Amino acid sequence: MNLSNLQPAEGSVNRSGKRLGRGQGSGKGGTAARGHKGAKSRSGYSKKIGFEGGQMPLQRRVPKFGFTNINRKEYKGINLDKLQELVDKKAVKNTVTLDTLIENRLVKKNDLVKILGGGELKASLKVSVHKFTATAKAAIEGAGGEAINL
């Protein structure tokens, strides 16, 4: 190695092309490669989402209808056969709580849970969640378990 073949380490120097707006002699002076006039040539420009060049945006010209209830509660439904699967996999013994369902990734921590009557439940379980359908409650109690609303 000598002075004639010194060079920086690989990847340490990365120049990204010509610098813009540094005088006519640089080759990218004047308009700084932005063209003449218009919104894109100005400083501070940022296109808004859905902007269509001044034309009325699609989101505003499509008719709106219907009603959205701001007090609506969304429940995550879990069928009885899912509870039976947990018992078969030995993930639960005799009690199913919200924490148990979160650990087994059936629901997330902020979900409201409703047990639905799909499938059949053979195990005797003590289930405590937010809601039950009538058929689910009957099936749980029929299997010798207990349904508790939170």
C-alpha atoms as a PDB file:
ATOM      1  CA  MET A   1       0.000   0.000   0.000  1.00  0.00           C
ATOM      2  CA  ASN A   2       1.249   3.482  -0.824  1.00  0.00           C
ATOM      3  CA  LEU A   3      -0.116   6.988  -1.343  1.00  0.00           C
ATOM      4  CA  SER A   4      -1.089   6.273  -4.946  1.00  0.00           C
ATOM      5  CA  ASN A   5      -3.611   3.566  -4.106  1.00  0.00           C
ATOM      6  CA  LEU A   6      -5.277   4.879  -0.932  1.00  0.00           C
ATOM      7  CA  GLN A   7      -9.067   4.912  -1.066  1.00  0.00           C
ATOM      8  CA  PRO A   8     -11.911   5.097   1.485  1.00  0.00           C
ATOM      9  CA  ALA A   9     -13.446   1.950   2.944  1.00  0.00           C
ATOM     10  CA  GLU A  10     -16.188   0.249   0.952  1.00  0.00           C
ATOM     11  CA  GLY A  11     -19.577   1.932   1.542  1.00  0.00           C
ATOM     12  CA  SER A  12     -18.185   4.813   3.628  1.00  0.00           C
ATOM     13  CA  VAL A  13     -18.513   7.440   0.895  1.00  0.00           C
ATOM     14  CA  ASN A  14     -21.827   7.799  -0.896  1.00  0.00           C
ATOM     15  CA  ARG A  15     -22.412  10.945  -2.875  1.00  0.00           C
ATOM     16  CA  SER A  16     -25.914  11.095  -4.274  1.00  0.00           C
ATOM     17  CA  GLY A  17     -25.531  12.824  -7.624  1.00  0.00           C
ATOM     18  CA  LYS A  18     -25.291  16.558  -8.287  1.00  0.00           C
ATOM     19  CA  ARG A  19     -26.283  19.111  -5.651  1.00  0.00           C
ATOM     20  CA  LEU A  20     -29.299  21.095  -6.786  1.00  0.00           C
ATOM     21  CA  GLY A  21     -29.708  24.872  -6.884  1.00  0.00           C
ATOM     22  CA  ARG A  22     -26.026  25.806  -6.479  1.00  0.00           C
ATOM     23  CA  GLY A  23     -25.656  28.245  -9.384  1.00  0.00           C
ATOM     24  CA  GLN A  24     -25.684  28.000 -13.170  1.00  0.00           C
ATOM     25  CA  GLY A  25     -22.163  26.598 -13.371  1.00  0.00           C
ATOM     26  CA  SER A  26     -23.162  23.444 -11.493  1.00  0.00           C
ATOM     27  CA  GLY A  27     -25.479  22.337 -14.297  1.00  0.00           C
ATOM     28  CA  LYS A  28     -28.441  22.095 -11.890  1.00  0.00           C
ATOM     29  CA  GLY A  29     -28.895  25.752 -10.990  1.00  0.00           C
ATOM     30  CA  GLY A  30     -31.810  28.032 -11.839  1.00  0.00           C
ATOM     31  CA  THR A  31     -34.917  25.936 -11.475  1.00  0.00           C
ATOM     32  CA  ALA A  32     -32.962  23.142  -9.729  1.00  0.00           C
ATOM     33  CA  ALA A  33     -34.499  20.454 -11.976  1.00  0.00           C
ATOM     34  CA  ARG A  34     -38.040  21.355 -10.866  1.00  0.00           C
ATOM     35  CA  GLY A  35     -39.176  22.884 -14.153  1.00  0.00           C
ATOM     36  CA  HIS A  36     -40.957  26.229 -14.440  1.00  0.00           C
ATOM     37  CA  LYS A  37     -43.961  27.324 -12.328  1.00  0.00           C
ATOM     38  CA  GLY A  38     -46.687  25.149 -10.844  1.00  0.00           C
ATOM     39  CA  ALA A  39     -47.166  23.738  -7.357  1.00  0.00           C
ATOM     40  CA  LYS A  40     -44.361  21.164  -7.654  1.00  0.00           C
ATOM     41  CA  SER A  41     -41.790  23.881  -8.353  1.00  0.00           C
ATOM     42  CA  ARG A  42     -42.520  25.757  -5.117  1.00  0.00           C
ATOM     43  CA  SER A  43     -40.924  25.203  -1.726  1.00  0.00           C
ATOM     44  CA  GLY A  44     -43.179  23.679   0.900  1.00  0.00           C
ATOM     45  CA  TYR A  45     -45.151  21.674  -1.675  1.00  0.00           C
ATOM     46  CA  SER A  46     -46.694  18.416  -0.537  1.00  0.00           C
ATOM     47  CA  LYS A  47     -49.574  16.774  -2.373  1.00  0.00           C
ATOM     48  CA  LYS A  48     -52.565  16.007  -0.167  1.00  0.00           C
ATOM     49  CA  ILE A  49     -53.987  12.480  -0.179  1.00  0.00           C
ATOM     50  CA  GLY A  50     -56.726  12.216  -2.793  1.00  0.00           C
ATOM     51  CA  PHE A  51     -55.767  15.500  -4.516  1.00  0.00           C
ATOM     52  CA  GLU A  52     -56.739  15.421  -8.186  1.00  0.00           C
ATOM     53  CA  GLY A  53     -55.201  18.611  -9.523  1.00  0.00           C
ATOM     54  CA  GLY A  54     -58.067  20.827  -8.419  1.00  0.00           C
ATOM     55  CA  GLN A  55     -60.786  18.554  -9.842  1.00  0.00           C
ATOM     56  CA  MET A  56     -63.404  17.521  -7.249  1.00  0.00           C
ATOM     57  CA  PRO A  57     -61.864  14.385  -5.665  1.00  0.00           C
ATOM     58  CA  LEU A  58     -63.622  11.046  -6.022  1.00  0.00           C
ATOM     59  CA  GLN A  59     -64.094  10.748  -2.267  1.00  0.00           C
ATOM     60  CA  ARG A  60     -66.094  14.001  -2.279  1.00  0.00           C
ATOM     61  CA  ARG A  61     -68.140  13.432  -5.436  1.00  0.00           C
ATOM     62  CA  VAL A  62     -69.441   9.954  -4.564  1.00  0.00           C
ATOM     63  CA  PRO A  63     -72.795  10.183  -2.732  1.00  0.00           C
ATOM     64  CA  LYS A  64     -72.807   9.320   0.958  1.00  0.00           C
ATOM     65  CA  PHE A  65     -75.680   7.399   2.501  1.00  0.00           C
ATOM     66  CA  GLY A  66     -76.526   5.284   5.492  1.00  0.00           C
ATOM     67  CA  PHE A  67     -75.931   5.662   9.185  1.00  0.00           C
ATOM     68  CA  THR A  68     -73.022   4.698  11.420  1.00  0.00           C
ATOM     69  CA  ASN A  69     -73.850   4.248  15.073  1.00  0.00           C
ATOM     70  CA  ILE A  70     -70.977   5.656  17.119  1.00  0.00           C
ATOM     71  CA  ASN A  71     -72.036   3.584  20.136  1.00  0.00           C
ATOM     72  CA  ARG A  72     -71.877   0.237  18.303  1.00  0.00           C
ATOM     73  CA  LYS A  73     -70.128  -2.585  20.160  1.00  0.00           C
ATOM     74  CA  GLU A  74     -68.262  -5.165  18.085  1.00  0.00           C
ATOM     75  CA  TYR A  75     -68.001  -8.623  19.647  1.00  0.00           C
ATOM     76  CA  LYS A  76     -65.485 -11.268  18.611  1.00  0.00           C
ATOM     77  CA  GLY A  77     -67.384 -14.522  18.193  1.00  0.00           C
ATOM     78  CA  ILE A  78     -65.946 -17.828  19.419  1.00  0.00           C
ATOM     79  CA  ASN A  79     -67.744 -21.091  18.752  1.00  0.00           C
ATOM     80  CA  LEU A  80     -68.039 -23.941  21.252  1.00  0.00           C
ATOM     81  CA  ASP A  81     -65.919 -26.236  19.078  1.00  0.00           C
ATOM     82  CA  LYS A  82     -62.963 -23.823  19.560  1.00  0.00           C
ATOM     83  CA  LEU A  83     -63.353 -24.203  23.331  1.00  0.00           C
ATOM     84  CA  GLN A  84     -63.443 -27.992  22.886  1.00  0.00           C
ATOM     85  CA  GLU A  85     -60.222 -27.781  20.833  1.00  0.00           C
ATOM     86  CA  LEU A  86     -58.531 -25.919  23.712  1.00  0.00           C
ATOM     87  CA  VAL A  87     -59.559 -28.712  26.075  1.00  0.00           C
ATOM     88  CA  ASP A  88     -58.335 -31.396  23.630  1.00  0.00           C
ATOM     89  CA  LYS A  89     -54.963 -29.643  23.282  1.00  0.00           C
ATOM     90  CA  LYS A  90     -54.821 -29.398  27.097  1.00  0.00           C
ATOM     91  CA  ALA A  91     -54.487 -25.612  26.856  1.00  0.00           C
ATOM     92  CA  VAL A  92     -57.234 -25.259  29.506  1.00  0.00           C
ATOM     93  CA  LYS A  93     -58.315 -27.497  32.353  1.00  0.00           C
ATOM     94  CA  ASN A  94     -61.735 -26.441  33.633  1.00  0.00           C
ATOM     95  CA  THR A  95     -61.923 -22.631  33.454  1.00  0.00           C
ATOM     96  CA  VAL A  96     -61.906 -20.397  30.391  1.00  0.00           C
ATOM     97  CA  THR A  97     -61.369 -16.698  31.053  1.00  0.00           C
ATOM     98  CA  LEU A  98     -60.584 -13.736  28.832  1.00  0.00           C
ATOM     99  CA  ASP A  99     -56.885 -14.112  29.740  1.00  0.00           C
ATOM    100  CA  THR A 100     -56.932 -17.755  28.624  1.00  0.00           C
ATOM    101  CA  LEU A 101     -58.357 -16.776  25.230  1.00  0.00           C
ATOM    102  CA  ILE A 102     -55.742 -14.005  24.840  1.00  0.00           C
ATOM    103  CA  GLU A 103     -52.902 -16.423  25.680  1.00  0.00           C
ATOM    104  CA  ASN A 104     -54.164 -18.867  23.037  1.00  0.00           C
ATOM    105  CA  ARG A 105     -54.456 -15.994  20.502  1.00  0.00           C
ATOM    106  CA  LEU A 106     -58.164 -16.412  19.880  1.00  0.00           C
ATOM    107  CA  VAL A 107     -58.815 -12.764  20.824  1.00  0.00           C
ATOM    108  CA  LYS A 108     -56.853  -9.574  21.432  1.00  0.00           C
ATOM    109  CA  LYS A 109     -56.712  -7.847  24.808  1.00  0.00           C
ATOM    110  CA  ASN A 110     -59.240  -5.097  23.971  1.00  0.00           C
ATOM    111  CA  ASP A 111     -61.809  -7.349  22.225  1.00  0.00           C
ATOM    112  CA  LEU A 112     -65.292  -7.949  23.570  1.00  0.00           C
ATOM    113  CA  VAL A 113     -66.007 -11.688  23.415  1.00  0.00           C
ATOM    114  CA  LYS A 114     -69.244 -13.550  22.699  1.00  0.00           C
ATOM    115  CA  ILE A 115     -69.484 -17.330  22.868  1.00  0.00           C
ATOM    116  CA  LEU A 116     -71.515 -18.752  19.963  1.00  0.00           C
ATOM    117  CA  GLY A 117     -73.287 -22.108  19.799  1.00  0.00           C
ATOM    118  CA  GLY A 118     -71.419 -23.602  16.813  1.00  0.00           C
ATOM    119  CA  GLY A 119     -70.120 -27.143  17.272  1.00  0.00           C
ATOM    120  CA  GLU A 120     -70.454 -29.215  20.422  1.00  0.00           C
ATOM    121  CA  LEU A 121     -68.856 -29.051  23.843  1.00  0.00           C
ATOM    122  CA  LYS A 122     -68.213 -32.268  25.760  1.00  0.00           C
ATOM    123  CA  ALA A 123     -66.053 -30.895  28.579  1.00  0.00           C
ATOM    124  CA  SER A 124     -67.418 -29.325  31.747  1.00  0.00           C
ATOM    125  CA  LEU A 125     -66.078 -25.758  31.673  1.00  0.00           C
ATOM    126  CA  LYS A 126     -66.516 -22.623  33.748  1.00  0.00           C
ATOM    127  CA  VAL A 127     -66.553 -19.921  31.039  1.00  0.00           C
ATOM    128  CA  SER A 128     -66.428 -16.217  31.920  1.00  0.00           C
ATOM    129  CA  VAL A 129     -66.636 -13.759  28.984  1.00  0.00           C
ATOM    130  CA  HIS A 130     -68.745 -10.735  28.023  1.00  0.00           C
ATOM    131  CA  LYS A 131     -71.728 -12.436  26.316  1.00  0.00           C
ATOM    132  CA  PHE A 132     -73.239 -15.793  25.371  1.00  0.00           C
ATOM    133  CA  THR A 133     -75.864 -16.802  22.844  1.00  0.00           C
ATOM    134  CA  ALA A 134     -78.810 -18.737  24.294  1.00  0.00           C
ATOM    135  CA  THR A 135     -77.727 -21.973  22.554  1.00  0.00           C
ATOM    136  CA  ALA A 136     -74.140 -21.616  23.795  1.00  0.00           C
ATOM    137  CA  LYS A 137     -75.260 -20.994  27.370  1.00  0.00           C
ATOM    138  CA  ALA A 138     -77.565 -24.027  27.216  1.00  0.00           C
ATOM    139  CA  ALA A 139     -74.773 -26.221  25.778  1.00  0.00           C
ATOM    140  CA  ILE A 140     -72.252 -25.151  28.425  1.00  0.00           C
ATOM    141  CA  GLU A 141     -74.690 -25.785  31.261  1.00  0.00           C
ATOM    142  CA  GLY A 142     -75.833 -29.014  29.607  1.00  0.00           C
ATOM    143  CA  ALA A 143     -72.238 -30.278  29.708  1.00  0.00           C
ATOM    144  CA  GLY A 144     -72.124 -29.534  33.448  1.00  0.00           C
ATOM    145  CA  GLY A 145     -70.301 -26.226  33.139  1.00  0.00           C
ATOM    146  CA  GLU A 146     -71.059 -22.655  34.109  1.00  0.00           C
ATOM    147  CA  ALA A 147     -71.498 -19.509  31.966  1.00  0.00           C
ATOM    148  CA  ILE A 148     -70.559 -16.250  33.707  1.00  0.00           C
ATOM    149  CA  ASN A 149     -71.022 -12.792  32.142  1.00  0.00           C
ATOM    150  CA  LEU A 150     -68.297 -10.240  32.865  1.00  0.00           C
END
